[in-house]
Amino acid sequence: MGFQPHPKERNRLMRVREELIDEVSLRTDGTHLTPCFHIYYRKAPFTSLYVDLVNNSLWRVMKAREPITTNLWWNVKIPQEGPYYYEMEHFEAVWRDVVLALERYILPYMDAMSVEKLLDFMVKPQRREDGEKEIFRVNQIVFFSDIYFACMDEAAVYGVGLWIAGRYTEGLPYLIFAQNKYREHIRPHEPEKEQFNEGRVLGMLDKLISTYECKPQELKETVERLTDQIAENWADYMM
């Protein structure tokens, strides 16, 4: 289906396209094995749209249309003695439903995604025409009153996206907000900040905003150069 292994993590499969990156992976949370689906903006892969399995948005959509029998993730059996295990029939039933979800819902959704729509997710609650929540969502839409770090990644992605489109005045508040949050977040690790994704993102934001303030005539070229570098080395910036 066009996916390849993530260069650094074996349980993640990536489909790297010109503008977007699609991900299919498996996550183990205690007694669950959960399939995960993400869409990243390749020029700013600091956070993603992800399938809302916790709130069952995908499950509700499929249940109304398909003969699925599972919750789209696996539960292990915990015996009195011996190791955990999956019942074969349960594992195969979930596998069939997940394959159906991938082929009929996830991949078509990924194929139809655009940069404009992805950026819109970062700042607006998303609902389908029938009033249901979208299958994909972000961790937190941007709200400038956030006193912690809930939406700094979304602000960075949105601000960078606006600047790539040449909308500098509109994007500046989001970049400054993200810059301040990243700097506060990375402060305890300042000496080794380049070892962390947050430190690399902060370095990029510092360069963009410094160019805006000191050499505005070079801003378009700087935005293109930095975001092209990120697109080439996307795995270094992906959370």
C-alpha atoms as a PDB file:
ATOM      1  CA  MET A   1       0.000   0.000   0.000  1.00  0.00           C
ATOM      2  CA  GLY A   2       3.028   2.276  -0.307  1.00  0.00           C
ATOM      3  CA  PHE A   3       4.122   2.163   3.371  1.00  0.00           C
ATOM      4  CA  GLN A   4       7.693   1.641   4.535  1.00  0.00           C
ATOM      5  CA  PRO A   5       9.238   1.116   7.989  1.00  0.00           C
ATOM      6  CA  HIS A   6       9.920   4.215  10.062  1.00  0.00           C
ATOM      7  CA  PRO A   7      13.710   4.789   9.981  1.00  0.00           C
ATOM      8  CA  LYS A   8      13.986   4.732  13.790  1.00  0.00           C
ATOM      9  CA  GLU A   9      11.083   2.677  15.160  1.00  0.00           C
ATOM     10  CA  ARG A  10      10.144  -0.799  13.970  1.00  0.00           C
ATOM     11  CA  ASN A  11       6.469  -0.747  14.964  1.00  0.00           C
ATOM     12  CA  ARG A  12       5.648   2.263  12.766  1.00  0.00           C
ATOM     13  CA  LEU A  13       4.949   2.115   9.020  1.00  0.00           C
ATOM     14  CA  MET A  14       5.107   5.385   7.088  1.00  0.00           C
ATOM     15  CA  ARG A  15       3.873   6.526   3.692  1.00  0.00           C
ATOM     16  CA  VAL A  16       5.912   9.625   2.857  1.00  0.00           C
ATOM     17  CA  ARG A  17       4.248  11.794   0.235  1.00  0.00           C
ATOM     18  CA  GLU A  18       5.084  15.183  -1.237  1.00  0.00           C
ATOM     19  CA  GLU A  19       3.191  17.197   1.376  1.00  0.00           C
ATOM     20  CA  LEU A  20       1.842  14.722   3.936  1.00  0.00           C
ATOM     21  CA  ILE A  21       3.075  11.688   5.852  1.00  0.00           C
ATOM     22  CA  ASP A  22       0.701   8.840   6.711  1.00  0.00           C
ATOM     23  CA  GLU A  23       1.414   6.435   9.561  1.00  0.00           C
ATOM     24  CA  VAL A  24       0.072   3.039  10.604  1.00  0.00           C
ATOM     25  CA  SER A  25       1.431   1.606  13.857  1.00  0.00           C
ATOM     26  CA  LEU A  26       0.676  -0.663  16.802  1.00  0.00           C
ATOM     27  CA  ARG A  27       0.728   0.492  20.431  1.00  0.00           C
ATOM     28  CA  THR A  28       0.784  -1.759  23.481  1.00  0.00           C
ATOM     29  CA  ASP A  29      -0.970  -0.339  26.536  1.00  0.00           C
ATOM     30  CA  GLY A  30      -0.964  -2.902  29.312  1.00  0.00           C
ATOM     31  CA  THR A  31      -3.464  -5.554  28.257  1.00  0.00           C
ATOM     32  CA  HIS A  32      -4.375  -3.940  24.922  1.00  0.00           C
ATOM     33  CA  LEU A  33      -2.837  -3.987  21.461  1.00  0.00           C
ATOM     34  CA  THR A  34      -4.147  -0.924  19.644  1.00  0.00           C
ATOM     35  CA  PRO A  35      -3.784   0.013  15.960  1.00  0.00           C
ATOM     36  CA  CYS A  36      -2.914   3.690  15.457  1.00  0.00           C
ATOM     37  CA  PHE A  37      -3.338   5.885  12.388  1.00  0.00           C
ATOM     38  CA  HIS A  38      -1.792   9.354  11.968  1.00  0.00           C
ATOM     39  CA  ILE A  39      -1.431  12.062   9.316  1.00  0.00           C
ATOM     40  CA  TYR A  40       1.442  14.602   9.554  1.00  0.00           C
ATOM     41  CA  TYR A  41       2.256  17.758   7.603  1.00  0.00           C
ATOM     42  CA  ARG A  42       5.628  16.865   6.152  1.00  0.00           C
ATOM     43  CA  LYS A  43       7.041  20.405   6.353  1.00  0.00           C
ATOM     44  CA  ALA A  44       5.983  20.677  10.019  1.00  0.00           C
ATOM     45  CA  PRO A  45       5.622  17.125  11.421  1.00  0.00           C
ATOM     46  CA  PHE A  46       5.539  18.258  15.048  1.00  0.00           C
ATOM     47  CA  THR A  47       2.134  16.729  15.725  1.00  0.00           C
ATOM     48  CA  SER A  48      -0.481  14.806  13.780  1.00  0.00           C
ATOM     49  CA  LEU A  49      -4.102  14.153  13.114  1.00  0.00           C
ATOM     50  CA  TYR A  50      -4.878  10.772  14.659  1.00  0.00           C
ATOM     51  CA  VAL A  51      -7.787   8.353  14.667  1.00  0.00           C
ATOM     52  CA  ASP A  52      -9.937   8.851  17.731  1.00  0.00           C
ATOM     53  CA  LEU A  53     -10.182   5.214  18.855  1.00  0.00           C
ATOM     54  CA  VAL A  54     -10.571   6.158  22.529  1.00  0.00           C
ATOM     55  CA  ASN A  55     -13.873   7.910  21.887  1.00  0.00           C
ATOM     56  CA  ASN A  56     -14.836   5.334  19.271  1.00  0.00           C
ATOM     57  CA  SER A  57     -15.503   7.765  16.416  1.00  0.00           C
ATOM     58  CA  LEU A  58     -14.213   5.269  13.860  1.00  0.00           C
ATOM     59  CA  TRP A  59     -16.051   2.396  15.541  1.00  0.00           C
ATOM     60  CA  ARG A  60     -19.378   4.262  15.487  1.00  0.00           C
ATOM     61  CA  VAL A  61     -19.044   5.118  11.816  1.00  0.00           C
ATOM     62  CA  MET A  62     -18.161   1.548  10.882  1.00  0.00           C
ATOM     63  CA  LYS A  63     -20.759  -0.052  13.140  1.00  0.00           C
ATOM     64  CA  ALA A  64     -23.509   1.826  11.319  1.00  0.00           C
ATOM     65  CA  ARG A  65     -22.311   0.598   7.931  1.00  0.00           C
ATOM     66  CA  GLU A  66     -20.326  -2.624   8.310  1.00  0.00           C
ATOM     67  CA  PRO A  67     -20.854  -6.061   9.935  1.00  0.00           C
ATOM     68  CA  ILE A  68     -17.997  -5.594  12.413  1.00  0.00           C
ATOM     69  CA  THR A  69     -18.001  -7.581  15.665  1.00  0.00           C
ATOM     70  CA  THR A  70     -15.062  -6.091  17.604  1.00  0.00           C
ATOM     71  CA  ASN A  71     -13.929  -2.779  19.147  1.00  0.00           C
ATOM     72  CA  LEU A  72     -10.982  -2.536  16.697  1.00  0.00           C
ATOM     73  CA  TRP A  73      -8.319  -3.409  19.258  1.00  0.00           C
ATOM     74  CA  TRP A  74      -7.078  -6.572  20.925  1.00  0.00           C
ATOM     75  CA  ASN A  75      -7.439  -7.616  24.572  1.00  0.00           C
ATOM     76  CA  VAL A  76      -5.164 -10.260  26.079  1.00  0.00           C
ATOM     77  CA  LYS A  77      -6.278 -13.075  28.318  1.00  0.00           C
ATOM     78  CA  ILE A  78      -4.668 -13.103  31.775  1.00  0.00           C
ATOM     79  CA  PRO A  79      -4.521 -16.646  33.158  1.00  0.00           C
ATOM     80  CA  GLN A  80      -4.087 -17.613  36.792  1.00  0.00           C
ATOM     81  CA  GLU A  81      -0.639 -18.902  35.878  1.00  0.00           C
ATOM     82  CA  GLY A  82       1.578 -18.455  32.857  1.00  0.00           C
ATOM     83  CA  PRO A  83       2.013 -15.631  30.366  1.00  0.00           C
ATOM     84  CA  TYR A  84      -0.642 -13.375  28.885  1.00  0.00           C
ATOM     85  CA  TYR A  85      -2.017 -14.518  25.531  1.00  0.00           C
ATOM     86  CA  TYR A  86      -4.488 -13.613  22.798  1.00  0.00           C
ATOM     87  CA  GLU A  87      -7.307 -15.965  21.914  1.00  0.00           C
ATOM     88  CA  MET A  88      -6.849 -16.882  18.277  1.00  0.00           C
ATOM     89  CA  GLU A  89     -10.475 -16.313  17.222  1.00  0.00           C
ATOM     90  CA  HIS A  90     -10.532 -12.902  18.929  1.00  0.00           C
ATOM     91  CA  PHE A  91      -7.226 -11.893  17.372  1.00  0.00           C
ATOM     92  CA  GLU A  92      -8.332 -12.909  13.876  1.00  0.00           C
ATOM     93  CA  ALA A  93     -11.731 -11.199  14.242  1.00  0.00           C
ATOM     94  CA  VAL A  94     -10.097  -7.905  15.235  1.00  0.00           C
ATOM     95  CA  TRP A  95      -7.581  -8.323  12.424  1.00  0.00           C
ATOM     96  CA  ARG A  96     -10.404  -8.630   9.875  1.00  0.00           C
ATOM     97  CA  ASP A  97     -12.153  -5.536  11.233  1.00  0.00           C
ATOM     98  CA  VAL A  98      -8.943  -3.486  11.324  1.00  0.00           C
ATOM     99  CA  VAL A  99      -8.097  -4.461   7.735  1.00  0.00           C
ATOM    100  CA  LEU A 100     -11.611  -3.425   6.719  1.00  0.00           C
ATOM    101  CA  ALA A 101     -11.179  -0.105   8.544  1.00  0.00           C
ATOM    102  CA  LEU A 102      -7.829   0.497   6.887  1.00  0.00           C
ATOM    103  CA  GLU A 103      -8.983  -0.294   3.367  1.00  0.00           C
ATOM    104  CA  ARG A 104     -12.446   1.333   3.375  1.00  0.00           C
ATOM    105  CA  TYR A 105     -12.055   4.232   5.809  1.00  0.00           C
ATOM    106  CA  ILE A 106      -8.488   5.112   6.822  1.00  0.00           C
ATOM    107  CA  LEU A 107      -6.674   5.011   3.484  1.00  0.00           C
ATOM    108  CA  PRO A 108      -9.424   6.837   1.537  1.00  0.00           C
ATOM    109  CA  TYR A 109      -9.477   9.460   4.300  1.00  0.00           C
ATOM    110  CA  MET A 110      -5.698   9.841   4.108  1.00  0.00           C
ATOM    111  CA  ASP A 111      -5.821  10.085   0.316  1.00  0.00           C
ATOM    112  CA  ALA A 112      -8.443  12.843   0.512  1.00  0.00           C
ATOM    113  CA  MET A 113      -6.604  14.901   3.142  1.00  0.00           C
ATOM    114  CA  SER A 114      -5.115  18.240   2.073  1.00  0.00           C
ATOM    115  CA  VAL A 115      -2.682  20.590   3.778  1.00  0.00           C
ATOM    116  CA  GLU A 116      -5.417  23.210   4.087  1.00  0.00           C
ATOM    117  CA  LYS A 117      -7.795  20.827   5.832  1.00  0.00           C
ATOM    118  CA  LEU A 118      -5.061  19.460   8.110  1.00  0.00           C
ATOM    119  CA  LEU A 119      -4.124  22.966   9.234  1.00  0.00           C
ATOM    120  CA  ASP A 120      -7.778  23.785   9.863  1.00  0.00           C
ATOM    121  CA  PHE A 121      -7.950  20.882  12.332  1.00  0.00           C
ATOM    122  CA  MET A 122      -5.318  22.646  14.463  1.00  0.00           C
ATOM    123  CA  VAL A 123      -7.549  25.598  15.283  1.00  0.00           C
ATOM    124  CA  LYS A 124     -11.189  24.530  14.830  1.00  0.00           C
ATOM    125  CA  PRO A 125     -13.316  21.712  16.302  1.00  0.00           C
ATOM    126  CA  GLN A 126     -14.152  19.358  13.454  1.00  0.00           C
ATOM    127  CA  ARG A 127     -17.477  17.644  12.804  1.00  0.00           C
ATOM    128  CA  ARG A 128     -18.831  15.805   9.809  1.00  0.00           C
ATOM    129  CA  GLU A 129     -21.936  16.894   7.934  1.00  0.00           C
ATOM    130  CA  ASP A 130     -24.050  14.451   9.954  1.00  0.00           C
ATOM    131  CA  GLY A 131     -22.962  16.136  13.198  1.00  0.00           C
ATOM    132  CA  GLU A 132     -20.687  13.311  14.346  1.00  0.00           C
ATOM    133  CA  LYS A 133     -17.078  13.992  15.299  1.00  0.00           C
ATOM    134  CA  GLU A 134     -14.472  13.494  12.599  1.00  0.00           C
ATOM    135  CA  ILE A 135     -12.696  10.121  12.571  1.00  0.00           C
ATOM    136  CA  PHE A 136      -9.378  11.982  12.885  1.00  0.00           C
ATOM    137  CA  ARG A 137      -8.642  14.700  15.432  1.00  0.00           C
ATOM    138  CA  VAL A 138      -5.764  16.596  17.080  1.00  0.00           C
ATOM    139  CA  ASN A 139      -4.708  16.297  20.704  1.00  0.00           C
ATOM    140  CA  GLN A 140      -5.799  19.856  21.405  1.00  0.00           C
ATOM    141  CA  ILE A 141      -6.908  22.740  19.224  1.00  0.00           C
ATOM    142  CA  VAL A 142      -4.941  25.947  19.804  1.00  0.00           C
ATOM    143  CA  PHE A 143      -6.128  28.241  22.554  1.00  0.00           C
ATOM    144  CA  PHE A 144      -3.880  31.107  23.598  1.00  0.00           C
ATOM    145  CA  SER A 145      -5.099  30.975  27.205  1.00  0.00           C
ATOM    146  CA  ASP A 146      -3.376  27.612  27.739  1.00  0.00           C
ATOM    147  CA  ILE A 147      -1.106  27.952  30.778  1.00  0.00           C
ATOM    148  CA  TYR A 148       0.669  24.628  30.226  1.00  0.00           C
ATOM    149  CA  PHE A 149       1.827  22.934  27.007  1.00  0.00           C
ATOM    150  CA  ALA A 150      -1.341  21.329  25.674  1.00  0.00           C
ATOM    151  CA  CYS A 151      -1.398  22.952  22.250  1.00  0.00           C
ATOM    152  CA  MET A 152       2.135  24.204  21.556  1.00  0.00           C
ATOM    153  CA  ASP A 153       2.711  21.602  18.812  1.00  0.00           C
ATOM    154  CA  GLU A 154      -0.536  22.473  17.046  1.00  0.00           C
ATOM    155  CA  ALA A 155       0.321  26.195  17.238  1.00  0.00           C
ATOM    156  CA  ALA A 156       3.735  25.530  15.680  1.00  0.00           C
ATOM    157  CA  VAL A 157       2.276  23.450  12.844  1.00  0.00           C
ATOM    158  CA  TYR A 158      -0.443  26.012  12.128  1.00  0.00           C
ATOM    159  CA  GLY A 159       1.898  28.997  12.273  1.00  0.00           C
ATOM    160  CA  VAL A 160       4.499  27.365  10.033  1.00  0.00           C
ATOM    161  CA  GLY A 161       1.764  26.377   7.593  1.00  0.00           C
ATOM    162  CA  LEU A 162       0.523  29.969   7.389  1.00  0.00           C
ATOM    163  CA  TRP A 163       4.044  31.262   6.810  1.00  0.00           C
ATOM    164  CA  ILE A 164       4.651  28.729   4.045  1.00  0.00           C
ATOM    165  CA  ALA A 165       1.516  30.180   2.426  1.00  0.00           C
ATOM    166  CA  GLY A 166       2.934  33.715   2.844  1.00  0.00           C
ATOM    167  CA  ARG A 167       0.412  34.712   5.528  1.00  0.00           C
ATOM    168  CA  TYR A 168       3.045  36.172   7.859  1.00  0.00           C
ATOM    169  CA  THR A 169       0.986  38.613   9.930  1.00  0.00           C
ATOM    170  CA  GLU A 170      -1.716  36.017  10.541  1.00  0.00           C
ATOM    171  CA  GLY A 171       0.750  33.288  11.455  1.00  0.00           C
ATOM    172  CA  LEU A 172       3.058  35.329  13.703  1.00  0.00           C
ATOM    173  CA  PRO A 173       0.979  35.096  16.942  1.00  0.00           C
ATOM    174  CA  TYR A 174       0.902  31.294  16.637  1.00  0.00           C
ATOM    175  CA  LEU A 175       4.652  31.064  16.118  1.00  0.00           C
ATOM    176  CA  ILE A 176       5.405  33.384  19.046  1.00  0.00           C
ATOM    177  CA  PHE A 177       3.003  31.442  21.264  1.00  0.00           C
ATOM    178  CA  ALA A 178       4.641  28.149  20.257  1.00  0.00           C
ATOM    179  CA  GLN A 179       8.151  29.599  20.636  1.00  0.00           C
ATOM    180  CA  ASN A 180       7.464  30.702  24.216  1.00  0.00           C
ATOM    181  CA  LYS A 181       5.908  27.350  25.122  1.00  0.00           C
ATOM    182  CA  TYR A 182       8.757  25.319  23.627  1.00  0.00           C
ATOM    183  CA  ARG A 183      11.353  27.487  25.371  1.00  0.00           C
ATOM    184  CA  GLU A 184       9.638  27.042  28.721  1.00  0.00           C
ATOM    185  CA  HIS A 185       9.193  23.322  28.139  1.00  0.00           C
ATOM    186  CA  ILE A 186      12.826  22.670  27.170  1.00  0.00           C
ATOM    187  CA  ARG A 187      14.388  24.966  29.811  1.00  0.00           C
ATOM    188  CA  PRO A 188      15.276  22.115  32.243  1.00  0.00           C
ATOM    189  CA  HIS A 189      17.229  20.478  29.412  1.00  0.00           C
ATOM    190  CA  GLU A 190      18.755  23.599  27.871  1.00  0.00           C
ATOM    191  CA  PRO A 191      22.366  22.287  27.555  1.00  0.00           C
ATOM    192  CA  GLU A 192      21.289  19.238  25.546  1.00  0.00           C
ATOM    193  CA  LYS A 193      18.144  20.648  23.919  1.00  0.00           C
ATOM    194  CA  GLU A 194      19.225  19.684  20.383  1.00  0.00           C
ATOM    195  CA  GLN A 195      18.883  16.049  21.427  1.00  0.00           C
ATOM    196  CA  PHE A 196      15.130  16.526  21.807  1.00  0.00           C
ATOM    197  CA  ASN A 197      12.463  17.087  19.155  1.00  0.00           C
ATOM    198  CA  GLU A 198      11.237  20.087  21.135  1.00  0.00           C
ATOM    199  CA  GLY A 199      14.717  21.623  21.039  1.00  0.00           C
ATOM    200  CA  ARG A 200      14.998  21.198  17.282  1.00  0.00           C
ATOM    201  CA  VAL A 201      11.570  22.726  16.737  1.00  0.00           C
ATOM    202  CA  LEU A 202      12.470  25.647  19.021  1.00  0.00           C
ATOM    203  CA  GLY A 203      15.666  26.247  17.031  1.00  0.00           C
ATOM    204  CA  MET A 204      13.649  26.451  13.829  1.00  0.00           C
ATOM    205  CA  LEU A 205      11.104  28.839  15.383  1.00  0.00           C
ATOM    206  CA  ASP A 206      13.906  31.053  16.723  1.00  0.00           C
ATOM    207  CA  LYS A 207      15.427  31.321  13.225  1.00  0.00           C
ATOM    208  CA  LEU A 208      12.089  32.141  11.611  1.00  0.00           C
ATOM    209  CA  ILE A 209      11.122  34.828  14.097  1.00  0.00           C
ATOM    210  CA  SER A 210      14.632  36.320  14.163  1.00  0.00           C
ATOM    211  CA  THR A 211      14.552  36.614  10.366  1.00  0.00           C
ATOM    212  CA  TYR A 212      11.102  38.234  10.548  1.00  0.00           C
ATOM    213  CA  GLU A 213      12.410  40.837  13.012  1.00  0.00           C
ATOM    214  CA  CYS A 214      15.896  41.495  11.600  1.00  0.00           C
ATOM    215  CA  LYS A 215      15.894  40.576   7.890  1.00  0.00           C
ATOM    216  CA  PRO A 216      12.301  40.579   6.641  1.00  0.00           C
ATOM    217  CA  GLN A 217      13.508  40.773   3.030  1.00  0.00           C
ATOM    218  CA  GLU A 218      14.942  37.266   3.478  1.00  0.00           C
ATOM    219  CA  LEU A 219      11.877  35.785   5.158  1.00  0.00           C
ATOM    220  CA  LYS A 220      10.344  33.943   2.201  1.00  0.00           C
ATOM    221  CA  GLU A 221      13.670  32.331   1.297  1.00  0.00           C
ATOM    222  CA  THR A 222      14.347  31.390   4.940  1.00  0.00           C
ATOM    223  CA  VAL A 223      10.908  29.817   5.370  1.00  0.00           C
ATOM    224  CA  GLU A 224      11.374  27.763   2.209  1.00  0.00           C
ATOM    225  CA  ARG A 225      14.889  26.671   3.130  1.00  0.00           C
ATOM    226  CA  LEU A 226      14.065  25.637   6.706  1.00  0.00           C
ATOM    227  CA  THR A 227      10.815  23.860   5.903  1.00  0.00           C
ATOM    228  CA  ASP A 228      12.424  22.031   2.972  1.00  0.00           C
ATOM    229  CA  GLN A 229      15.120  20.805   5.393  1.00  0.00           C
ATOM    230  CA  ILE A 230      12.434  19.617   7.804  1.00  0.00           C
ATOM    231  CA  ALA A 231      10.581  17.840   4.993  1.00  0.00           C
ATOM    232  CA  GLU A 232      13.803  16.059   4.056  1.00  0.00           C
ATOM    233  CA  ASN A 233      14.613  15.077   7.667  1.00  0.00           C
ATOM    234  CA  TRP A 234      11.041  14.618   8.887  1.00  0.00           C
ATOM    235  CA  ALA A 235      11.848  11.758  11.299  1.00  0.00           C
ATOM    236  CA  ASP A 236      14.019  14.089  13.410  1.00  0.00           C
ATOM    237  CA  TYR A 237      11.060  16.378  14.136  1.00  0.00           C
ATOM    238  CA  MET A 238       8.244  13.875  14.492  1.00  0.00           C
ATOM    239  CA  MET A 239       6.872  13.472  17.998  1.00  0.00           C
END
